[in-house]
């Protein structure tokens, strides 16, 4: 029993692990002669307590696996924080660079139930924060479901068009040509996509203005948060993506009129009022693990047949968006949008979290650091000295492995045992986070 508990505890609370069958063998190799020595370690899935190698699913969705989604959220938090205050390979000088937090919304596709400040909704009621009517159309028959789905499908392209215009607008304000700008300054950003209750995607982004080498170089003297904010407004207004013509109606996609841009100040300049880097990172990381299902009640997995909707408890507004995406997906001129494959996402098929290469570290680097930390802990548990180096530098390790997919999830007994570990998993999770917080 202790063996199965150790194997389950290594999952960190993952409820839908991937089961792999196979083996792994480590051999010592003499790099001078090429001779392969005897096996140092052997691992065979049949000899493991669970009968398979269990690997965390790594799903970012809270509705699919809360434990893995929490790890993804924390990694995103550290990634965003590194680009705001430095660390993990990013210099601390980025705190002095112009930085803003911007939110880009979708246009209106028809009036919906909302909570407009102190006023009542257009329907005459004052909705509670958890009212399921929020975000649903006042008149579903007049709501433009077709444009709503197509806007989601083109949102990723619209963001790319915006970033192109942003560089042009910055160059124009600095008195530079587009070719000269990369030699003087660079735009770095990290963004996440979030669904509004009405089912439309909008973007939250941290946008930073650096020197030509990114965060490692000082921005030019003319760079300021005011110039960056002004360029963002102009670029957002200019960004337009032409869409398809459907039944004689042409579609054009642009951002909505609601554009929120706020300057980010460091914690020493906060004073309890300004926007801090930590608050921004926490806000963005929160939405990195939430999909359309969280805001609209839609599905968190793909549909194979539209008839499946009849057996699922999907809100009427979300169901109509899904059916619209499915119907549009049958058109050959929209085949490139793959609307049926992304109908459960209401047409959006972009990445939820993206960043420029020089903004900060990567999720891959954070996961590598965590894996190294786990190997270090395993070596300590075996009584090995983690600081011990190989005695013969002419030798290295050859790893031979073969793994095959054997299923997903835990058996009923494993589920019960995993649940019994829940109360003791918090220290492990905290330690894993500590492994990634180290600068």
Protein backbone atom coordinates (compact mmCIF):
# COMPACT_ATOMS: atom_id res chain seq x y z
CA UNK A 1 0.00 0.00 0.00
CA UNK A 2 2.73 2.59 0.74
CA UNK A 3 4.02 2.08 -2.81
CA UNK A 4 0.71 2.99 -4.45
CA UNK A 5 0.38 5.99 -2.14
CA UNK A 6 3.80 7.25 -3.19
CA UNK A 7 2.93 6.83 -6.85
CA UNK A 8 -0.39 8.66 -6.46
CA UNK A 9 1.14 11.46 -4.39
CA UNK A 10 3.60 12.16 -7.22
CA UNK A 11 0.61 13.23 -9.35
CA UNK A 12 0.08 16.28 -7.16
CA UNK A 13 -3.68 15.75 -7.06
CA UNK A 14 -4.23 15.16 -10.80
CA UNK A 15 -7.55 13.33 -11.19
CA UNK A 16 -7.19 12.30 -14.84
CA UNK A 17 -3.59 11.11 -15.27
CA UNK A 18 -2.33 9.54 -18.47
CA UNK A 19 -1.54 5.83 -18.07
CA UNK A 20 1.52 4.58 -19.96
CA UNK A 21 2.72 1.01 -20.40
CA UNK A 22 6.34 0.25 -21.23
CA UNK A 23 9.83 0.36 -19.81
CA UNK A 24 12.84 2.61 -19.22
CA UNK A 25 16.46 1.53 -18.78
CA UNK A 26 19.55 3.60 -17.98
CA UNK A 27 22.97 2.39 -19.15
CA UNK A 28 26.41 3.82 -18.54
CA UNK A 29 28.27 4.57 -21.79
CA UNK A 30 31.98 5.14 -22.23
CA UNK A 31 32.21 8.09 -24.63
CA UNK A 32 35.75 7.14 -25.63
CA UNK A 33 35.11 3.57 -26.72
CA UNK A 34 31.33 3.74 -27.20
CA UNK A 35 30.95 0.66 -25.00
CA UNK A 36 27.56 0.31 -23.29
CA UNK A 37 27.79 -0.92 -19.75
CA UNK A 38 25.28 -2.83 -17.67
CA UNK A 39 21.94 -1.30 -16.74
CA UNK A 40 22.12 1.16 -13.86
CA UNK A 41 18.39 1.44 -13.32
CA UNK A 42 15.35 -0.32 -14.73
CA UNK A 43 11.73 0.74 -14.66
CA UNK A 44 8.91 -1.39 -16.01
CA UNK A 45 5.29 -0.30 -15.82
CA UNK A 46 4.11 -3.79 -14.82
CA UNK A 47 6.25 -3.59 -11.68
CA UNK A 48 4.74 -0.29 -10.56
CA UNK A 49 2.03 -0.40 -7.87
CA UNK A 50 -0.62 0.96 -10.25
CA UNK A 51 0.41 -1.39 -13.03
CA UNK A 52 1.11 1.61 -15.29
CA UNK A 53 3.26 4.70 -15.28
CA UNK A 54 0.98 7.59 -14.24
CA UNK A 55 1.69 11.00 -15.73
CA UNK A 56 -0.16 14.20 -14.90
CA UNK A 57 -2.67 15.22 -17.58
CA UNK A 58 -1.46 18.84 -17.57
CA UNK A 59 -4.89 20.18 -18.58
CA UNK A 60 -5.20 23.92 -18.04
CA UNK A 61 -9.01 23.88 -17.57
CA UNK A 62 -10.30 24.03 -14.02
CA UNK A 63 -13.37 22.04 -15.03
CA UNK A 64 -11.24 19.17 -16.32
CA UNK A 65 -8.53 18.89 -13.64
CA UNK A 66 -8.38 21.40 -10.81
CA UNK A 67 -4.90 20.34 -9.68
CA UNK A 68 -3.21 20.64 -13.07
CA UNK A 69 -5.09 23.87 -13.78
CA UNK A 70 -3.75 25.31 -10.53
CA UNK A 71 -0.20 24.44 -11.57
CA UNK A 72 -0.81 26.10 -14.94
CA UNK A 73 -2.22 29.18 -13.21
CA UNK A 74 0.80 29.49 -10.95
CA UNK A 75 3.20 29.05 -13.86
CA UNK A 76 1.36 31.78 -15.76
CA UNK A 77 1.55 34.02 -12.69
CA UNK A 78 5.33 33.56 -12.48
CA UNK A 79 5.70 34.10 -16.22
CA UNK A 80 3.77 37.37 -16.12
CA UNK A 81 5.48 38.50 -12.90
CA UNK A 82 8.95 37.88 -14.35
CA UNK A 83 8.14 40.27 -17.19
CA UNK A 84 6.97 42.92 -14.74
CA UNK A 85 9.50 42.80 -11.91
CA UNK A 86 12.33 40.65 -13.31
CA UNK A 87 13.65 37.25 -12.30
CA UNK A 88 14.03 33.88 -14.05
CA UNK A 89 16.43 35.32 -16.58
CA UNK A 90 14.67 38.67 -16.95
CA UNK A 91 16.56 41.67 -15.51
CA UNK A 92 14.96 43.68 -12.71
CA UNK A 93 15.40 46.84 -14.78
CA UNK A 94 12.14 46.03 -16.59
CA UNK A 95 10.36 47.69 -13.65
CA UNK A 96 11.58 51.04 -15.05
CA UNK A 97 10.31 50.37 -18.59
CA UNK A 98 6.98 51.81 -19.77
CA UNK A 99 4.32 49.17 -19.01
CA UNK A 100 0.55 49.18 -19.36
CA UNK A 101 -2.29 46.77 -18.73
CA UNK A 102 -4.85 46.85 -21.55
CA UNK A 103 -8.19 45.14 -22.07
CA UNK A 104 -9.62 44.76 -25.58
CA UNK A 105 -13.31 43.89 -25.95
CA UNK A 106 -15.55 42.66 -28.73
CA UNK A 107 -18.14 44.93 -30.41
CA UNK A 108 -21.84 44.65 -29.70
CA UNK A 109 -23.90 41.99 -31.43
CA UNK A 110 -27.13 43.11 -29.79
CA UNK A 111 -28.27 44.36 -26.37
CA UNK A 112 -27.85 41.91 -23.48
CA UNK A 113 -28.85 41.83 -19.83
CA UNK A 114 -26.19 43.59 -17.79
CA UNK A 115 -25.46 45.56 -14.62
CA UNK A 116 -24.71 49.15 -15.81
CA UNK A 117 -23.41 50.67 -12.59
CA UNK A 118 -26.14 52.17 -10.44
CA UNK A 119 -28.71 52.12 -13.23
CA UNK A 120 -31.11 49.28 -13.95
CA UNK A 121 -30.72 46.97 -16.92
CA UNK A 122 -32.58 47.79 -20.13
CA UNK A 123 -35.10 45.15 -19.15
CA UNK A 124 -36.01 47.32 -16.15
CA UNK A 125 -34.59 44.95 -13.52
CA UNK A 126 -31.54 45.15 -11.31
CA UNK A 127 -29.70 41.87 -11.77
CA UNK A 128 -27.86 40.12 -8.98
CA UNK A 129 -24.19 39.28 -9.71
CA UNK A 130 -25.04 35.59 -10.09
CA UNK A 131 -28.19 36.09 -12.17
CA UNK A 132 -28.05 33.54 -15.04
CA UNK A 133 -29.75 36.09 -17.30
CA UNK A 134 -26.61 38.26 -17.36
CA UNK A 135 -24.98 38.26 -20.78
CA UNK A 136 -27.99 36.76 -22.54
CA UNK A 137 -29.75 38.76 -25.29
CA UNK A 138 -32.74 40.92 -24.52
CA UNK A 139 -34.21 39.69 -27.80
CA UNK A 140 -32.59 36.42 -28.95
CA UNK A 141 -34.32 36.63 -32.33
CA UNK A 142 -32.58 39.90 -33.15
CA UNK A 143 -29.19 39.02 -31.67
CA UNK A 144 -26.47 38.63 -34.33
CA UNK A 145 -25.28 35.11 -33.50
CA UNK A 146 -23.58 34.74 -36.87
CA UNK A 147 -21.33 37.77 -36.33
CA UNK A 148 -20.65 36.77 -32.72
CA UNK A 149 -19.31 33.36 -33.75
CA UNK A 150 -17.33 34.72 -36.69
CA UNK A 151 -15.82 37.47 -34.51
CA UNK A 152 -14.52 34.82 -32.10
CA UNK A 153 -13.10 32.88 -35.05
CA UNK A 154 -11.22 35.96 -36.30
CA UNK A 155 -10.15 37.33 -32.88
CA UNK A 156 -6.67 35.81 -33.10
CA UNK A 157 -6.09 37.35 -36.53
CA UNK A 158 -7.38 40.68 -35.25
CA UNK A 159 -4.87 40.64 -32.39
CA UNK A 160 -2.03 39.95 -34.84
CA UNK A 161 -3.18 42.87 -37.00
CA UNK A 162 -3.26 45.07 -33.90
CA UNK A 163 0.37 44.24 -33.00
CA UNK A 164 1.46 45.19 -36.52
CA UNK A 165 -0.30 48.55 -36.27
CA UNK A 166 1.04 49.10 -32.75
CA UNK A 167 4.64 49.03 -33.97
CA UNK A 168 3.74 51.41 -36.77
CA UNK A 169 2.05 53.83 -34.39
CA UNK A 170 5.00 53.80 -31.98
CA UNK A 171 7.42 54.47 -34.82
CA UNK A 172 5.27 57.34 -36.06
CA UNK A 173 5.18 59.00 -32.63
CA UNK A 174 8.93 58.56 -32.22
CA UNK A 175 9.64 60.10 -35.61
CA UNK A 176 11.09 56.84 -36.94
CA UNK A 177 10.44 54.66 -39.93
CA UNK A 178 9.14 51.14 -39.42
CA UNK A 179 12.57 49.82 -40.43
CA UNK A 180 14.35 52.01 -37.87
CA UNK A 181 12.12 51.08 -34.91
CA UNK A 182 13.69 47.63 -34.17
CA UNK A 183 17.07 49.35 -33.88
CA UNK A 184 15.74 51.69 -31.17
CA UNK A 185 12.93 49.90 -29.33
CA UNK A 186 10.99 46.65 -29.07
CA UNK A 187 7.42 45.90 -28.03
CA UNK A 188 7.05 42.97 -25.61
CA UNK A 189 3.72 41.64 -24.41
CA UNK A 190 1.91 38.77 -22.74
CA UNK A 191 -1.84 38.28 -23.13
CA UNK A 192 -4.66 35.94 -22.21
CA UNK A 193 -8.11 35.48 -23.71
CA UNK A 194 -11.23 35.64 -21.56
CA UNK A 195 -14.85 34.97 -22.38
CA UNK A 196 -17.47 37.51 -21.42
CA UNK A 197 -20.82 36.20 -20.21
CA UNK A 198 -22.30 36.91 -23.64
CA UNK A 199 -19.82 34.43 -25.14
CA UNK A 200 -17.53 36.92 -26.88
CA UNK A 201 -13.76 36.71 -26.41
CA UNK A 202 -11.79 39.67 -25.18
CA UNK A 203 -8.09 40.04 -24.40
CA UNK A 204 -6.13 41.16 -21.33
CA UNK A 205 -2.54 42.12 -22.11
CA UNK A 206 0.58 43.42 -20.41
CA UNK A 207 2.40 45.53 -23.00
CA UNK A 208 5.94 46.76 -22.34
CA UNK A 209 8.22 49.06 -24.31
CA UNK A 210 11.88 47.96 -24.20
CA UNK A 211 15.17 48.80 -25.81
CA UNK A 212 16.27 47.02 -29.01
CA UNK A 213 17.47 43.90 -27.12
CA UNK A 214 14.25 43.51 -25.16
CA UNK A 215 14.10 43.65 -21.38
CA UNK A 216 17.89 43.56 -21.14
CA UNK A 217 18.28 46.98 -22.77
CA UNK A 218 17.10 50.40 -21.67
CA UNK A 219 14.26 51.92 -23.72
CA UNK A 220 15.02 55.14 -25.64
CA UNK A 221 14.55 58.54 -24.03
CA UNK A 222 11.29 59.18 -25.86
CA UNK A 223 9.64 55.99 -24.60
CA UNK A 224 6.91 56.59 -22.04
CA UNK A 225 3.72 55.00 -20.78
CA UNK A 226 1.77 57.93 -22.26
CA UNK A 227 3.25 57.38 -25.72
CA UNK A 228 2.61 53.64 -25.46
CA UNK A 229 -0.99 54.14 -24.35
CA UNK A 230 -1.67 56.61 -27.15
CA UNK A 231 -0.18 54.21 -29.72
CA UNK A 232 -2.32 51.35 -28.37
CA UNK A 233 -5.50 53.38 -28.79
CA UNK A 234 -4.62 54.32 -32.34
CA UNK A 235 -3.58 50.77 -33.27
CA UNK A 236 -6.74 49.26 -31.78
CA UNK A 237 -8.86 51.68 -33.83
CA UNK A 238 -6.96 50.86 -37.04
CA UNK A 239 -6.93 47.08 -36.63
CA UNK A 240 -9.50 45.59 -39.00
CA UNK A 241 -9.82 42.09 -40.43
CA UNK A 242 -12.01 41.55 -43.51
CA UNK A 243 -14.35 38.61 -43.13
CA UNK A 244 -16.42 36.39 -45.39
CA UNK A 245 -19.47 37.32 -47.43
CA UNK A 246 -22.43 35.18 -46.38
CA UNK A 247 -25.72 35.36 -48.24
CA UNK A 248 -24.78 38.75 -49.65
CA UNK A 249 -23.76 40.15 -46.28
CA UNK A 250 -20.11 41.10 -45.84
CA UNK A 251 -18.44 40.86 -42.43
CA UNK A 252 -15.65 43.06 -41.10
CA UNK A 253 -14.12 42.53 -37.66
CA UNK A 254 -12.67 45.12 -35.28
CA UNK A 255 -12.35 45.65 -31.55
CA UNK A 256 -15.20 47.14 -29.56
CA UNK A 257 -15.30 50.73 -28.38
CA UNK A 258 -14.56 49.76 -24.77
CA UNK A 259 -10.77 49.86 -24.50
CA UNK A 260 -9.25 50.06 -21.02
CA UNK A 261 -5.57 51.04 -20.71
CA UNK A 262 -3.92 51.55 -17.33
CA UNK A 263 -0.30 52.26 -16.44
CA UNK A 264 1.40 49.66 -14.25
CA UNK A 265 3.46 50.98 -11.34
CA UNK A 266 5.94 49.03 -9.27
CA UNK A 267 5.01 48.03 -5.71
CA UNK A 268 7.13 50.83 -4.24
CA UNK A 269 5.09 53.40 -6.16
CA UNK A 270 1.73 51.85 -5.38
CA UNK A 271 0.63 53.68 -2.30
CA UNK A 272 -2.41 51.43 -2.14
CA UNK A 273 -4.01 53.08 -5.18
CA UNK A 274 -2.05 52.46 -8.38
CA UNK A 275 -2.10 49.19 -10.30
CA UNK A 276 0.64 46.85 -9.01
CA UNK A 277 2.53 44.26 -10.99
CA UNK A 278 1.40 41.51 -8.63
CA UNK A 279 -2.27 42.43 -9.05
CA UNK A 280 -1.91 42.36 -12.83
CA UNK A 281 -0.14 38.99 -12.82
CA UNK A 282 -2.76 37.46 -10.53
CA UNK A 283 -5.60 38.83 -12.66
CA UNK A 284 -4.18 37.45 -15.91
CA UNK A 285 -3.24 34.09 -14.38
CA UNK A 286 -6.80 33.65 -13.11
CA UNK A 287 -8.21 33.68 -16.61
CA UNK A 288 -5.50 31.42 -18.06
CA UNK A 289 -7.33 28.38 -16.62
CA UNK A 290 -10.88 29.37 -17.57
CA UNK A 291 -12.53 28.72 -20.90
CA UNK A 292 -15.91 29.45 -22.40
CA UNK A 293 -17.51 26.88 -20.10
CA UNK A 294 -16.77 29.00 -17.03
CA UNK A 295 -18.38 32.21 -18.27
CA UNK A 296 -21.21 30.92 -20.48
CA UNK A 297 -21.92 27.38 -19.29
CA UNK A 298 -20.90 25.84 -22.60
CA UNK A 299 -18.84 22.66 -23.03
CA UNK A 300 -15.22 22.00 -22.09
CA UNK A 301 -14.67 19.39 -24.79
CA UNK A 302 -15.37 18.94 -28.48
CA UNK A 303 -18.63 17.73 -29.97
CA UNK A 304 -18.62 14.77 -32.29
CA UNK A 305 -22.24 15.22 -33.38
CA UNK A 306 -24.57 18.17 -32.95
CA UNK A 307 -27.22 15.76 -31.66
CA UNK A 308 -25.18 15.46 -28.45
CA UNK A 309 -26.51 18.86 -27.39
CA UNK A 310 -29.93 17.34 -26.79
CA UNK A 311 -28.50 15.27 -23.93
CA UNK A 312 -26.40 18.03 -22.38
CA UNK A 313 -27.45 20.75 -19.96
CA UNK A 314 -26.26 23.78 -21.91
CA UNK A 315 -27.84 27.25 -21.43
CA UNK A 316 -30.01 28.38 -24.30
CA UNK A 317 -27.74 31.27 -25.33
CA UNK A 318 -24.61 29.09 -25.38
CA UNK A 319 -26.46 26.34 -27.24
CA UNK A 320 -27.53 28.76 -29.93
CA UNK A 321 -23.95 29.98 -30.35
CA UNK A 322 -22.78 26.36 -30.67
CA UNK A 323 -25.46 25.53 -33.23
CA UNK A 324 -24.57 28.64 -35.21
CA UNK A 325 -20.90 27.64 -35.26
CA UNK A 326 -21.86 24.13 -36.32
CA UNK A 327 -24.05 25.39 -39.16
CA UNK A 328 -21.40 27.82 -40.40
CA UNK A 329 -18.83 25.04 -40.22
CA UNK A 330 -20.67 23.21 -42.98
CA UNK A 331 -19.84 25.96 -45.49
CA UNK A 332 -16.92 25.20 -47.79
CA UNK A 333 -15.86 28.88 -47.89
CA UNK A 334 -15.40 28.80 -44.09
CA UNK A 335 -13.63 25.45 -43.97
CA UNK A 336 -10.35 27.09 -42.94
CA UNK A 337 -11.94 28.34 -39.71
CA UNK A 338 -12.72 24.76 -38.54
CA UNK A 339 -15.86 26.00 -36.82
CA UNK A 340 -17.26 22.55 -36.10
CA UNK A 341 -14.08 21.47 -34.34
CA UNK A 342 -14.26 24.64 -32.22
CA UNK A 343 -18.01 24.91 -31.82
CA UNK A 344 -17.69 24.12 -28.10
CA UNK A 345 -15.42 27.19 -27.85
CA UNK A 346 -18.04 29.28 -29.66
CA UNK A 347 -15.76 29.61 -32.68
CA UNK A 348 -12.57 30.80 -30.96
CA UNK A 349 -9.59 28.67 -31.93
CA UNK A 350 -6.68 30.83 -30.82
CA UNK A 351 -4.26 30.25 -27.97
CA UNK A 352 -5.52 31.34 -24.58
CA UNK A 353 -2.11 32.52 -23.44
CA UNK A 354 0.57 33.99 -25.73
CA UNK A 355 3.63 36.20 -25.33
CA UNK A 356 6.50 37.61 -27.29
CA UNK A 357 9.80 35.76 -27.05
CA UNK A 358 11.61 38.48 -25.09
CA UNK A 359 8.85 39.29 -22.62
CA UNK A 360 10.10 36.87 -19.96
CA UNK A 361 10.76 33.18 -19.34
CA UNK A 362 8.69 30.38 -20.87
CA UNK A 363 6.28 27.81 -19.48
CA UNK A 364 8.69 25.15 -20.73
CA UNK A 365 11.53 26.59 -18.65
CA UNK A 366 9.32 26.67 -15.56
CA UNK A 367 8.28 23.04 -16.10
CA UNK A 368 11.90 22.02 -16.57
CA UNK A 369 12.81 23.70 -13.28
CA UNK A 370 9.98 21.84 -11.57
CA UNK A 371 11.09 18.51 -13.05
CA UNK A 372 14.65 19.13 -11.85
CA UNK A 373 13.35 19.94 -8.39
CA UNK A 374 11.35 16.70 -8.33
CA UNK A 375 14.40 14.69 -9.38
CA UNK A 376 16.36 16.38 -6.61
CA UNK A 377 13.73 15.43 -4.04
CA UNK A 378 13.63 11.84 -5.35
CA UNK A 379 17.42 11.59 -5.02
CA UNK A 380 17.24 12.85 -1.45
CA UNK A 381 14.47 10.34 -0.67
CA UNK A 382 16.73 7.53 -1.97
CA UNK A 383 19.48 8.70 0.37
CA UNK A 384 21.69 9.98 -2.47
CA UNK A 385 23.79 13.11 -2.30
CA UNK A 386 22.28 15.46 -4.94
CA UNK A 387 25.58 17.34 -5.20
CA UNK A 388 27.55 14.25 -6.15
CA UNK A 389 28.92 14.43 -9.67
CA UNK A 390 29.76 11.44 -11.92
CA UNK A 391 33.16 10.05 -10.97
CA UNK A 392 34.28 9.45 -14.55
CA UNK A 393 33.73 12.38 -16.89
CA UNK A 394 34.35 10.12 -19.91
CA UNK A 395 31.17 8.26 -19.17
CA UNK A 396 27.60 9.35 -19.71
CA UNK A 397 24.15 7.83 -19.36
CA UNK A 398 22.18 6.28 -22.21
CA UNK A 399 18.42 6.11 -21.65
CA UNK A 400 16.39 3.56 -23.59
CA UNK A 401 12.64 3.90 -23.20
CA UNK A 402 9.46 2.78 -24.88
CA UNK A 403 6.05 3.91 -23.68
CA UNK A 404 2.59 3.32 -25.13
CA UNK A 405 -0.72 4.91 -24.22
CA UNK A 406 -2.72 2.61 -21.97
CA UNK A 407 -5.64 4.78 -20.91
CA UNK A 408 -6.68 7.80 -18.87
CA UNK A 409 -7.85 8.22 -15.30
CA UNK A 410 -7.74 6.31 -12.05
CA UNK A 411 -9.42 3.10 -10.98
CA UNK A 412 -12.10 3.40 -8.24
CA UNK A 413 -9.60 2.21 -5.63
CA UNK A 414 -6.97 4.67 -6.84
CA UNK A 415 -9.56 7.47 -6.77
CA UNK A 416 -10.36 6.68 -3.14
CA UNK A 417 -6.71 6.57 -2.18
CA UNK A 418 -5.99 9.77 -4.09
CA UNK A 419 -8.85 11.53 -2.28
CA UNK A 420 -7.39 10.38 1.04
CA UNK A 421 -4.16 12.19 0.15
CA UNK A 422 -5.94 15.50 -0.53
CA UNK A 423 -5.46 16.81 2.99
CA UNK A 424 -1.70 16.22 2.84
CA UNK A 425 -1.12 17.48 -0.71
CA UNK A 426 -1.00 21.17 0.18
CA UNK A 427 2.63 21.15 1.45
CA UNK A 428 3.72 19.33 -1.70
CA UNK A 429 2.00 21.88 -3.92
CA UNK A 430 3.54 24.74 -1.96
CA UNK A 431 6.97 23.20 -2.32
CA UNK A 432 6.52 22.80 -6.05
CA UNK A 433 5.52 26.41 -6.34
CA UNK A 434 8.60 27.33 -4.35
CA UNK A 435 10.71 25.54 -6.92
CA UNK A 436 9.41 27.88 -9.63
CA UNK A 437 9.46 31.08 -7.58
CA UNK A 438 13.21 30.95 -7.23
CA UNK A 439 14.64 33.68 -9.43
